[in-house]
Amino acid sequence: MAETWNLFDSFASWHGVNRAKQMNDAAEHQLARTEQEIVFRVVDSYYAVLLATKQLEVAEQALKTSQAIMDRSQGEVRTAGWWWSPTCSPRRCRMAARQQETHSGQETIWILARAQLSAAMGVPVDSVFSAG
């Protein structure tokens, strides 16, 4: 049996090759976009960790300051011989509780930011990072 060859296929072969080249270009562009998204997520997560670290430091300092003020005011009341301590007032207890909640909330934000960075980098969540 003899083979037959088409001399003209209405440019179907040319369109197929052209379509394959365009698909290849599209895949390359998608790969570049994905790489850019990964870099963005890592950088964004890194800055979120830096911000959360600073916010946690501020919350810890505020907690220490609040405790120092309460300790100082309690000492002043005792030296004045008062029978009532302002450190036990409901207002001061609420302030101390808010400071503790703020610290706990910032610590949670810090932990979540580190977990997001780990996920963006593709490393285990309990990985240790150094900002220096």
Protein backbone atom coordinates (compact mmCIF):
# COMPACT_ATOMS: atom_id res chain seq x y z
CA MET A 1 0.00 0.00 0.00
CA ALA A 2 1.33 3.39 -0.87
CA GLU A 3 1.57 6.22 1.62
CA THR A 4 -0.05 9.50 0.82
CA TRP A 5 1.28 12.87 1.80
CA ASN A 6 -0.68 16.05 1.87
CA LEU A 7 1.11 18.88 0.18
CA PHE A 8 -1.17 21.46 1.69
CA ASP A 9 -3.02 21.03 5.00
CA SER A 10 -4.64 24.49 5.16
CA PHE A 11 -1.84 25.70 7.47
CA ALA A 12 -2.98 23.27 10.21
CA SER A 13 0.61 22.20 10.93
CA TRP A 14 1.81 25.81 11.01
CA HIS A 15 -1.03 26.78 13.37
CA GLY A 16 -0.23 23.81 15.60
CA VAL A 17 3.45 24.80 15.84
CA ASN A 18 2.50 28.44 16.44
CA ARG A 19 0.01 27.43 19.16
CA ALA A 20 2.67 25.25 20.83
CA LYS A 21 5.12 28.17 20.86
CA GLN A 22 2.48 30.44 22.39
CA MET A 23 1.66 27.83 25.04
CA ASN A 24 5.35 27.57 25.85
CA ASP A 25 5.60 31.36 26.21
CA ALA A 26 2.51 31.40 28.44
CA ALA A 27 3.99 28.68 30.64
CA GLU A 28 7.25 30.63 30.97
CA HIS A 29 5.35 33.78 31.95
CA GLN A 30 3.30 31.81 34.50
CA LEU A 31 6.50 30.36 35.98
CA ALA A 32 8.02 33.84 36.29
CA ARG A 33 4.85 35.14 37.95
CA THR A 34 4.83 32.24 40.40
CA GLU A 35 8.47 32.92 41.28
CA GLN A 36 7.63 36.59 41.88
CA GLU A 37 4.66 35.64 44.09
CA ILE A 38 6.87 33.35 46.18
CA VAL A 39 9.49 36.07 46.61
CA PHE A 40 6.77 38.56 47.56
CA ARG A 41 5.27 36.19 50.15
CA VAL A 42 8.66 35.52 51.73
CA VAL A 43 9.56 39.22 51.89
CA ASP A 44 6.09 40.17 53.15
CA SER A 45 6.23 37.45 55.80
CA TYR A 46 9.75 38.47 56.80
CA TYR A 47 8.67 42.06 57.38
CA ALA A 48 5.60 40.83 59.28
CA VAL A 49 7.94 38.90 61.61
CA LEU A 50 10.13 41.97 62.09
CA LEU A 51 7.09 44.12 62.87
CA ALA A 52 5.62 41.52 65.23
CA THR A 53 8.99 41.22 66.99
CA LYS A 54 9.12 44.98 67.58
CA GLN A 55 5.48 45.06 68.71
CA LEU A 56 6.18 42.22 71.13
CA GLU A 57 9.19 44.09 72.51
CA VAL A 58 7.02 47.19 73.02
CA ALA A 59 4.32 45.12 74.75
CA GLU A 60 6.93 43.51 77.02
CA GLN A 61 8.36 46.92 77.89
CA ALA A 62 4.87 48.28 78.60
CA LEU A 63 4.19 45.29 80.85
CA LYS A 64 7.45 45.88 82.74
CA THR A 65 6.69 49.59 83.05
CA SER A 66 3.18 48.90 84.30
CA GLN A 67 4.51 46.44 86.87
CA ALA A 68 7.19 48.92 88.00
CA ILE A 69 4.57 51.66 88.43
CA MET A 70 2.35 49.32 90.44
CA ASP A 71 5.28 48.21 92.60
CA ARG A 72 6.36 51.80 93.17
CA SER A 73 2.87 53.00 94.06
CA GLN A 74 2.42 50.07 96.45
CA GLY A 75 5.70 50.99 98.17
CA GLU A 76 4.65 54.63 98.47
CA VAL A 77 1.33 53.69 100.04
CA ARG A 78 3.00 51.43 102.59
CA THR A 79 5.48 54.15 103.58
CA ALA A 80 2.63 56.59 104.05
CA GLY A 81 0.94 54.12 106.40
CA TRP A 82 -2.27 53.84 104.46
CA TRP A 83 -4.47 50.85 105.02
CA TRP A 84 -5.69 50.76 101.41
CA SER A 85 -3.42 49.86 98.51
CA PRO A 86 -4.10 51.45 95.12
CA THR A 87 -2.50 48.43 93.43
CA CYS A 88 -5.56 46.42 94.44
CA SER A 89 -8.03 48.92 92.99
CA PRO A 90 -10.28 47.57 90.25
CA ARG A 91 -8.91 50.21 87.85
CA ARG A 92 -5.31 49.14 88.36
CA CYS A 93 -6.21 45.46 88.13
CA ARG A 94 -7.98 46.13 84.82
CA MET A 95 -4.96 48.06 83.55
CA ALA A 96 -2.62 45.22 84.49
CA ALA A 97 -4.94 42.67 82.88
CA ARG A 98 -5.09 44.75 79.67
CA GLN A 99 -1.30 44.99 79.59
CA GLN A 100 -1.06 41.22 79.98
CA GLU A 101 -3.68 40.65 77.26
CA THR A 102 -1.81 43.01 74.95
CA HIS A 103 1.42 41.13 75.57
CA SER A 104 -0.28 37.77 74.98
CA GLY A 105 -1.94 39.05 71.80
CA GLN A 106 1.35 40.39 70.46
CA GLU A 107 3.05 37.10 71.27
CA THR A 108 0.36 35.25 69.32
CA ILE A 109 0.79 37.62 66.36
CA TRP A 110 4.54 37.04 66.50
CA ILE A 111 4.11 33.25 66.52
CA LEU A 112 1.69 33.39 63.58
CA ALA A 113 4.00 35.70 61.61
CA ARG A 114 6.90 33.28 62.10
CA ALA A 115 4.71 30.36 61.02
CA GLN A 116 3.66 32.28 57.89
CA LEU A 117 7.30 33.02 57.08
CA SER A 118 8.21 29.35 57.52
CA ALA A 119 5.37 28.31 55.23
CA ALA A 120 6.37 30.89 52.61
CA MET A 121 9.97 29.66 52.70
CA GLY A 122 8.93 26.02 52.68
CA VAL A 123 10.73 25.15 55.92
CA PRO A 124 9.39 23.49 59.08
CA VAL A 125 7.29 25.79 61.28
CA ASP A 126 9.60 25.34 64.26
CA SER A 127 12.65 26.58 62.33
CA VAL A 128 14.84 29.12 64.10
CA PHE A 129 15.46 32.42 62.32
CA SER A 130 17.92 35.17 63.03
CA ALA A 131 17.09 38.74 62.04
CA GLY A 132 20.75 39.79 62.17
